[in-house]
Protein backbone atom coordinates (compact mmCIF):
# COMPACT_ATOMS: atom_id res chain seq x y z
CA UNK A 1 115.09 186.36 149.46
CA UNK A 2 114.62 184.86 145.67
CA UNK A 3 117.69 182.85 144.72
CA UNK A 4 119.25 183.73 141.53
CA UNK A 5 120.74 181.47 138.77
CA UNK A 6 124.54 181.50 138.96
CA UNK A 7 124.65 180.86 135.24
CA UNK A 8 121.95 183.33 133.40
CA UNK A 9 121.49 185.71 136.69
CA UNK A 10 117.57 185.41 136.32
CA UNK A 11 115.40 184.36 139.44
CA UNK A 12 115.16 180.57 140.09
CA UNK A 13 111.55 180.79 141.14
CA UNK A 14 110.19 181.71 137.88
CA UNK A 15 110.02 178.97 135.11
CA UNK A 16 111.35 179.76 131.70
CA UNK A 17 110.31 177.88 128.47
CA UNK A 18 112.80 177.53 125.72
CA UNK A 19 112.22 175.33 122.41
CA UNK A 20 110.01 172.50 124.30
CA UNK A 21 111.85 172.72 127.38
CA UNK A 22 110.73 174.21 130.59
CA UNK A 23 112.74 174.88 133.87
CA UNK A 24 111.12 173.76 137.43
CA UNK A 25 111.59 176.23 139.96
CA UNK A 26 112.10 173.72 142.92
CA UNK A 27 114.74 171.38 140.72
CA UNK A 28 116.37 174.96 139.98
CA UNK A 29 116.15 176.22 143.58
CA UNK A 30 117.93 172.77 144.86
CA UNK A 31 120.71 173.11 142.20
CA UNK A 32 121.61 176.74 142.08
CA UNK A 33 120.93 177.12 138.67
CA UNK A 34 117.86 176.45 135.99
CA UNK A 35 116.93 172.73 135.36
CA UNK A 36 115.20 172.27 132.31
CA UNK A 37 113.13 169.29 131.34
CA UNK A 38 110.81 168.72 128.05
CA UNK A 39 107.50 170.03 128.71
CA UNK A 40 105.80 166.70 128.85
CA UNK A 41 107.47 165.99 132.16
CA UNK A 42 105.50 168.62 133.94
CA UNK A 43 101.89 167.13 132.77
CA UNK A 44 98.84 169.99 132.23
CA UNK A 45 95.45 170.75 134.00
CA UNK A 46 92.50 172.57 132.52
CA UNK A 47 92.41 174.45 135.66
CA UNK A 48 96.02 176.06 135.24
CA UNK A 49 94.68 177.14 131.30
CA UNK A 50 95.71 181.34 131.18
CA UNK A 51 96.23 183.60 128.49
CA UNK A 52 100.01 183.46 129.58
CA UNK A 53 99.80 179.78 130.07
CA UNK A 54 97.29 178.28 127.20
CA UNK A 55 98.54 174.80 127.25
CA UNK A 56 97.70 174.62 131.05
CA UNK A 57 101.30 173.27 131.85
CA UNK A 58 101.95 172.32 135.56
CA UNK A 59 104.73 174.66 137.30
CA UNK A 60 106.64 171.78 138.63
CA UNK A 61 107.89 168.84 137.27
CA UNK A 62 105.96 165.54 138.01
CA UNK A 63 108.69 164.30 140.46
CA UNK A 64 108.38 167.58 142.41
CA UNK A 65 104.67 167.13 142.53
CA UNK A 66 105.27 163.74 144.16
CA UNK A 67 105.21 161.70 141.00
CA UNK A 68 108.56 159.25 141.26
CA UNK A 69 112.31 160.25 139.75
CA UNK A 70 112.89 163.13 137.51
CA UNK A 71 114.76 162.68 134.40
CA UNK A 72 118.01 163.79 133.82
CA UNK A 73 117.63 167.48 133.37
CA UNK A 74 119.40 170.33 131.46
CA UNK A 75 121.25 172.89 132.50
CA UNK A 76 120.61 176.30 132.03
CA UNK A 77 124.00 176.95 130.28
CA UNK A 78 123.74 173.86 127.99
CA UNK A 79 119.87 175.04 127.37
CA UNK A 80 121.45 178.63 126.07
CA UNK A 81 123.96 176.91 123.94
CA UNK A 82 121.70 174.87 122.10
CA UNK A 83 119.34 177.66 121.40
CA UNK A 84 122.21 179.86 120.31
CA UNK A 85 123.39 177.09 118.11
CA UNK A 86 119.93 176.88 116.40
CA UNK A 87 120.14 180.53 115.33
CA UNK A 88 123.49 180.14 113.69
């Protein structure tokens, strides 16, 4: 069964991209809410390039893929607040 974000009610196993930030499904499932990092924290691969992912960005952050410690993430409610403030 898919876990749902306790802040936005969207599935945690699906990444969300907002304004240069992307959620990591694994970090999000561990925390119970979407955890966002700058897109650079994910890395890219030519093999991941698709119509929906033209940049080839990886699904999980580098830390979850075994690349060390994750930087401090931004929570789902904070990223949504930032996005709403940008629209004002």
